[in-house]
Every structure is written in structure tokens, then in C-alpha cells.
Amino acid sequence: MVFGTLSLFLDKITQSIIPAFPILGVFVAIYLFVILKKIGDKKQLIFILLFLTSPLWLLSVHYRNMYHSFLTIEVIIIISLAWVIVNLWQRRTTKFFAAGLLVLFLLTNVRGYYLESAAAKAQYFVPQGAYLKHQLQAIDYTYQVAKGQPFSISSITNPYGYNTLWAYLYSWYGQKKYGYVPTFYGPDQTGIFGGNLLSMTASPSATHFSIWESNQGIPDHLYAKFDLDQTKIGTRSAITKFGSLRVDTYQ
């Protein structure tokens, strides 16, 4: 438990500093700590260390490898990095290191951005492997298969049971492009943001689609439960992928 938390903590730090080269990020993190110790006073160092490591104590007791774990760590890392660069730049003997550190940070983050874009993944993003373009492709697919006829959808999402994303996308994109929206077959959406955008249905339509997001942060037993509920509808006629999104067709 403690090891898992520490490993996740170090991974978030290195990915935040140098996302394209996480191993190099370890050495940069160590270097930053040494510099902070040399040029910062005791109170500043204690504050930064407490701010940086405060989530460790909670997650060490109750470890959870969620996508939002250590979400705020990027803020303190960037603030600390900027503070170090400014202090190095103000010293004649360390201007070169300040410039080099800034260039390294910028270049690796630009490269990291392109790598993440290509894979449709990011440190703090859900669902992993599916950007808006993949989501809209999935929506287009459901309308194309439905051929203008009514259809229903179910979705497994993070947070579990919240169809907010797909309700919004269908009401915004689907309604505008195709003139109608599907019904929703699944958990009651009353009181949930966007819960009134799609009408609920007690039984799936003759044409029905199950939308599966990646299981990032979704327990396996909930995935299995959703699969069982969907198989009761009938036989899948097709399984189609859009990035990490999966759309099952029932007709």
C-alpha cells in the first residue's frame, strides 16, 4: 500500500516535470530538491515539502490509483520550478543552468503534448484513449446504423452511472446534426447534471447501443455487471471501436 502510493507519487512528479522522458525527470526532481535546499530558507523548504507530500499521508492509509490522484501536484511543481529558475537566473554563475532547465522543461512538455495527443491519453484525463473526435465518431456511428429510426443507448462511465457526457454530446451534437436524440436505458438520471437531456426508457429500443468507456477508475465488478445487464437485451450484432471507446450494437 505504501509502496504503491510512493510509486504513484513519483510517477506524477516525473511526468509533470518532463513528461516525454520520465527517467530524466527523476534526476531533475532530485536536482531541484538540492537547489531548493541550497538557495531557500528553512521555512520555505518546509512549506514546499509539506505542500508537495501532504497527499502521501492520506493515500498511504487508503491507497487508490485513481486518475485524479495527486491532481494538484502539478501546481506546486510548476511554482517550485519557476522559483528555482528565477533564483538561478539572478546569480551570474548559474544563469546557464537556469536557461538550460527552462529550455528542457519547455521542449519535453511540447514533445509530451504531441505524444499524448497521438495516443489520446493524458495524466489527468478521462476517458483515456478517447478524445472528443472519437466520441463524436461513436455518435455518428449510432445514427448511421439507426438510419433515422429511434434508438436507445446505455453507457458505462466514470463516475459510474452518470450519463452526463453522452447526454450532453447527443443533445448538442446529435440533435443539431441529425434532428433527434436517443432514449437512455440505464440508471435513473434524476438530479444528475444533464439528466433531463435524454428521456429515460424502461426497455431498450429495437436498435440499441452500449457505449463502453475505458475502465480507468471503474472497478472490474461494475464492468462485469454492465456486461451482464446488456447481454440480457439480446445478441450483439457488432462491436466497433473508436479509440478506446467501444460501441456494441443490438438489433
Protein backbone atom coordinates (compact mmCIF):
# COMPACT_ATOMS: atom_id res chain seq x y z
CA MET A 1 0.00 0.00 0.00
CA VAL A 2 2.74 2.44 1.00
CA PHE A 3 4.92 1.32 -1.91
CA GLY A 4 2.03 1.76 -4.37
CA THR A 5 1.36 5.28 -3.12
CA LEU A 6 5.04 6.25 -3.27
CA SER A 7 5.40 4.80 -6.78
CA LEU A 8 2.33 6.71 -8.00
CA PHE A 9 3.59 9.88 -6.30
CA LEU A 10 7.00 9.70 -8.01
CA ASP A 11 5.36 8.91 -11.36
CA LYS A 12 3.16 12.01 -11.16
CA ILE A 13 6.15 14.19 -10.26
CA THR A 14 8.36 12.97 -13.11
CA GLN A 15 5.50 13.10 -15.62
CA SER A 16 4.73 16.67 -14.57
CA ILE A 17 8.33 17.89 -14.92
CA ILE A 18 9.46 16.03 -18.05
CA PRO A 19 6.53 14.02 -19.46
CA ALA A 20 8.40 12.77 -22.53
CA PHE A 21 11.37 11.45 -20.52
CA PRO A 22 10.16 10.26 -17.09
CA ILE A 23 13.53 8.70 -16.14
CA LEU A 24 15.26 12.03 -16.73
CA GLY A 25 12.51 13.62 -14.67
CA VAL A 26 13.72 11.69 -11.61
CA PHE A 27 17.16 13.29 -11.84
CA VAL A 28 15.68 16.73 -12.45
CA ALA A 29 13.43 16.31 -9.40
CA ILE A 30 16.44 15.38 -7.25
CA TYR A 31 18.39 18.34 -8.65
CA LEU A 32 15.51 20.70 -7.89
CA PHE A 33 15.37 19.46 -4.32
CA VAL A 34 19.12 20.05 -3.88
CA ILE A 35 18.82 23.57 -5.32
CA LEU A 36 15.82 24.32 -3.11
CA LYS A 37 17.79 23.22 -0.09
CA LYS A 38 20.74 25.46 -1.01
CA ILE A 39 19.01 28.67 -2.00
CA GLY A 40 15.82 28.55 0.06
CA ASP A 41 15.44 29.33 3.71
CA LYS A 42 14.23 26.70 6.16
CA LYS A 43 10.63 27.90 6.31
CA GLN A 44 10.26 27.94 2.51
CA LEU A 45 11.69 24.44 2.23
CA ILE A 46 9.42 23.05 4.95
CA PHE A 47 6.36 24.67 3.36
CA ILE A 48 7.15 23.28 -0.10
CA LEU A 49 7.87 19.78 1.24
CA LEU A 50 4.65 19.73 3.27
CA PHE A 51 2.64 21.03 0.31
CA LEU A 52 4.26 18.53 -2.04
CA THR A 53 3.93 15.45 0.15
CA SER A 54 0.69 16.11 2.02
CA PRO A 55 -1.41 13.65 -0.07
CA LEU A 56 1.05 10.86 0.75
CA TRP A 57 -0.17 10.51 4.31
CA LEU A 58 -3.81 10.01 3.34
CA LEU A 59 -3.21 7.74 0.34
CA SER A 60 -0.69 5.63 2.24
CA VAL A 61 -3.52 4.63 4.58
CA HIS A 62 -6.14 4.26 1.85
CA TYR A 63 -4.35 3.71 -1.47
CA ARG A 64 -6.31 4.41 -4.65
CA ASN A 65 -4.73 4.62 -8.07
CA MET A 66 -7.31 7.00 -9.49
CA TYR A 67 -6.75 9.30 -12.45
CA HIS A 68 -7.22 12.34 -10.22
CA SER A 69 -4.73 11.19 -7.56
CA PHE A 70 -2.20 13.98 -6.89
CA LEU A 71 -4.10 16.25 -9.30
CA THR A 72 -2.83 19.42 -7.59
CA ILE A 73 0.79 18.31 -7.52
CA GLU A 74 1.45 19.94 -10.90
CA VAL A 75 0.71 23.36 -9.43
CA ILE A 76 3.30 23.15 -6.66
CA ILE A 77 5.85 21.57 -9.03
CA ILE A 78 5.50 24.39 -11.57
CA ILE A 79 5.63 27.02 -8.82
CA SER A 80 8.74 25.40 -7.31
CA LEU A 81 10.38 25.05 -10.72
CA ALA A 82 9.68 28.70 -11.58
CA TRP A 83 11.05 29.80 -8.21
CA VAL A 84 14.25 27.79 -8.73
CA ILE A 85 14.75 29.13 -12.27
CA VAL A 86 14.29 32.74 -11.13
CA ASN A 87 16.77 32.28 -8.29
CA LEU A 88 19.30 30.60 -10.58
CA TRP A 89 18.90 33.35 -13.17
CA GLN A 90 19.63 36.04 -10.60
CA ARG A 91 23.04 34.50 -9.92
CA ARG A 92 25.69 35.14 -12.54
CA THR A 93 27.32 31.73 -12.10
CA THR A 94 24.10 29.78 -12.59
CA LYS A 95 22.38 31.66 -15.44
CA PHE A 96 23.36 28.89 -17.85
CA PHE A 97 21.67 26.24 -15.69
CA ALA A 98 18.53 28.37 -15.40
CA ALA A 99 18.28 28.75 -19.18
CA GLY A 100 19.01 25.06 -19.74
CA LEU A 101 16.39 23.97 -17.22
CA LEU A 102 13.75 26.23 -18.78
CA VAL A 103 14.50 25.02 -22.32
CA LEU A 104 14.47 21.38 -21.18
CA PHE A 105 11.13 21.86 -19.45
CA LEU A 106 9.54 23.57 -22.47
CA LEU A 107 10.85 21.17 -25.13
CA THR A 108 9.96 17.99 -23.25
CA ASN A 109 6.47 19.28 -22.46
CA VAL A 110 5.87 20.16 -26.11
CA ARG A 111 7.04 16.68 -27.12
CA GLY A 112 4.93 15.16 -24.36
CA TYR A 113 1.90 17.03 -25.67
CA TYR A 114 2.29 15.53 -29.15
CA LEU A 115 2.88 12.04 -27.76
CA GLU A 116 -0.22 12.28 -25.58
CA SER A 117 -2.29 13.69 -28.45
CA ALA A 118 -1.27 10.81 -30.71
CA ALA A 119 -2.28 8.26 -28.08
CA ALA A 120 -5.31 10.29 -26.89
CA LYS A 121 -4.02 9.99 -23.35
CA ALA A 122 -3.06 12.43 -20.63
CA GLN A 123 -2.05 12.37 -16.98
CA TYR A 124 -5.35 13.72 -15.72
CA PHE A 125 -7.96 12.90 -18.32
CA VAL A 126 -10.93 10.57 -18.57
CA PRO A 127 -11.64 8.53 -20.57
CA GLN A 128 -8.09 7.58 -21.54
CA GLY A 129 -7.60 6.83 -25.22
CA ALA A 130 -10.64 8.77 -26.43
CA TYR A 131 -10.73 12.45 -27.27
CA LEU A 132 -13.76 14.42 -28.44
CA LYS A 133 -13.19 13.33 -32.05
CA HIS A 134 -13.52 9.66 -31.03
CA GLN A 135 -16.67 10.40 -29.04
CA LEU A 136 -18.27 12.19 -31.99
CA GLN A 137 -17.27 9.32 -34.31
CA ALA A 138 -19.07 6.93 -31.97
CA ILE A 139 -22.18 9.12 -32.00
CA ASP A 140 -22.13 9.37 -35.81
CA TYR A 141 -21.88 5.58 -35.97
CA THR A 142 -25.01 5.07 -33.86
CA TYR A 143 -27.05 7.40 -36.06
CA GLN A 144 -25.75 5.78 -39.24
CA VAL A 145 -26.71 2.31 -38.04
CA ALA A 146 -30.11 3.53 -36.80
CA LYS A 147 -30.86 5.00 -40.26
CA GLY A 148 -33.16 7.70 -38.93
CA GLN A 149 -35.15 5.34 -36.70
CA PRO A 150 -35.49 5.71 -32.91
CA PHE A 151 -32.80 4.02 -30.85
CA SER A 152 -31.66 3.76 -27.27
CA ILE A 153 -28.27 3.83 -25.58
CA SER A 154 -26.70 2.58 -22.38
CA SER A 155 -23.29 3.67 -21.13
CA ILE A 156 -20.69 2.66 -18.59
CA THR A 157 -18.87 5.76 -17.47
CA ASN A 158 -16.63 7.25 -14.84
CA PRO A 159 -18.22 8.25 -12.49
CA TYR A 160 -20.23 5.05 -12.73
CA GLY A 161 -23.92 5.55 -13.51
CA TYR A 162 -23.52 9.15 -14.68
CA ASN A 163 -24.55 9.53 -18.32
CA THR A 164 -23.79 13.27 -18.28
CA LEU A 165 -21.14 13.20 -21.03
CA TRP A 166 -23.20 11.26 -23.54
CA ALA A 167 -26.43 13.08 -22.74
CA TYR A 168 -24.69 16.37 -23.45
CA LEU A 169 -22.97 15.16 -26.63
CA TYR A 170 -26.17 13.71 -28.07
CA SER A 171 -28.22 16.81 -27.22
CA TRP A 172 -25.54 19.17 -28.53
CA TYR A 173 -24.02 17.33 -31.49
CA GLY A 174 -26.54 14.62 -32.33
CA GLN A 175 -29.65 16.80 -32.14
CA LYS A 176 -28.04 19.54 -34.21
CA LYS A 177 -26.74 17.20 -36.93
CA TYR A 178 -29.45 14.52 -37.10
CA GLY A 179 -32.53 16.25 -35.67
CA TYR A 180 -33.31 13.83 -32.84
CA VAL A 181 -31.74 12.11 -29.84
CA PRO A 182 -31.89 8.57 -28.48
CA THR A 183 -33.53 7.46 -25.25
CA PHE A 184 -31.43 6.33 -22.31
CA TYR A 185 -31.73 2.83 -20.86
CA GLY A 186 -29.93 2.65 -17.54
CA PRO A 187 -29.75 4.08 -14.01
CA ASP A 188 -32.14 6.89 -13.09
CA GLN A 189 -30.53 10.22 -14.00
CA THR A 190 -32.83 12.39 -11.88
CA GLY A 191 -30.83 15.04 -10.06
CA ILE A 192 -27.70 14.35 -12.11
CA PHE A 193 -26.32 17.18 -14.25
CA GLY A 194 -27.74 16.74 -17.75
CA GLY A 195 -30.15 14.10 -16.53
CA ASN A 196 -33.07 15.73 -18.36
CA LEU A 197 -31.33 15.95 -21.75
CA LEU A 198 -32.27 12.41 -22.78
CA SER A 199 -35.59 10.73 -21.99
CA MET A 200 -35.41 7.61 -19.86
CA THR A 201 -36.85 4.35 -21.18
CA ALA A 202 -37.89 1.27 -19.21
CA SER A 203 -36.88 -1.05 -22.03
CA PRO A 204 -34.35 -0.75 -24.86
CA SER A 205 -35.43 0.07 -28.41
CA ALA A 206 -35.26 -2.41 -31.27
CA THR A 207 -31.96 -0.74 -32.14
CA HIS A 208 -29.82 -0.33 -29.06
CA PHE A 209 -26.19 0.64 -28.41
CA SER A 210 -23.98 0.05 -25.42
CA ILE A 211 -21.20 2.61 -25.04
CA TRP A 212 -18.15 1.44 -23.11
CA GLU A 213 -15.57 3.89 -21.84
CA SER A 214 -12.11 2.61 -20.85
CA ASN A 215 -12.04 1.04 -17.39
CA GLN A 216 -9.77 3.76 -15.97
CA GLY A 217 -11.08 4.15 -12.44
CA ILE A 218 -14.04 1.77 -12.95
CA PRO A 219 -13.91 -1.40 -10.81
CA ASP A 220 -13.95 -4.70 -12.70
CA HIS A 221 -17.11 -5.93 -10.96
CA LEU A 222 -19.05 -2.91 -12.27
CA TYR A 223 -17.78 -3.65 -15.77
CA ALA A 224 -18.99 -7.23 -15.37
CA LYS A 225 -22.37 -6.08 -14.06
CA PHE A 226 -22.86 -3.72 -17.01
CA ASP A 227 -21.92 -6.51 -19.43
CA LEU A 228 -24.43 -8.87 -17.80
CA ASP A 229 -27.20 -6.25 -17.97
CA GLN A 230 -26.51 -5.63 -21.65
CA THR A 231 -26.40 -9.30 -22.65
CA LYS A 232 -29.94 -9.65 -21.29
CA ILE A 233 -31.07 -7.30 -24.08
CA GLY A 234 -30.22 -9.79 -26.79
CA THR A 235 -27.39 -10.80 -29.07
CA ARG A 236 -24.72 -8.32 -30.08
CA SER A 237 -24.70 -7.82 -33.83
CA ALA A 238 -21.50 -5.74 -33.90
CA ILE A 239 -18.68 -4.45 -31.72
CA THR A 240 -16.99 -1.28 -33.00
CA LYS A 241 -14.03 0.64 -31.57
CA PHE A 242 -13.34 4.37 -31.64
CA GLY A 243 -10.03 4.93 -29.91
CA SER A 244 -10.53 3.26 -26.54
CA LEU A 245 -14.31 3.62 -26.81
CA ARG A 246 -16.31 0.52 -27.63
CA VAL A 247 -19.82 0.57 -29.06
CA ASP A 248 -21.86 -2.64 -29.02
CA THR A 249 -24.82 -2.84 -31.39
CA TYR A 250 -28.03 -4.75 -30.62
CA GLN A 251 -30.61 -5.12 -33.40
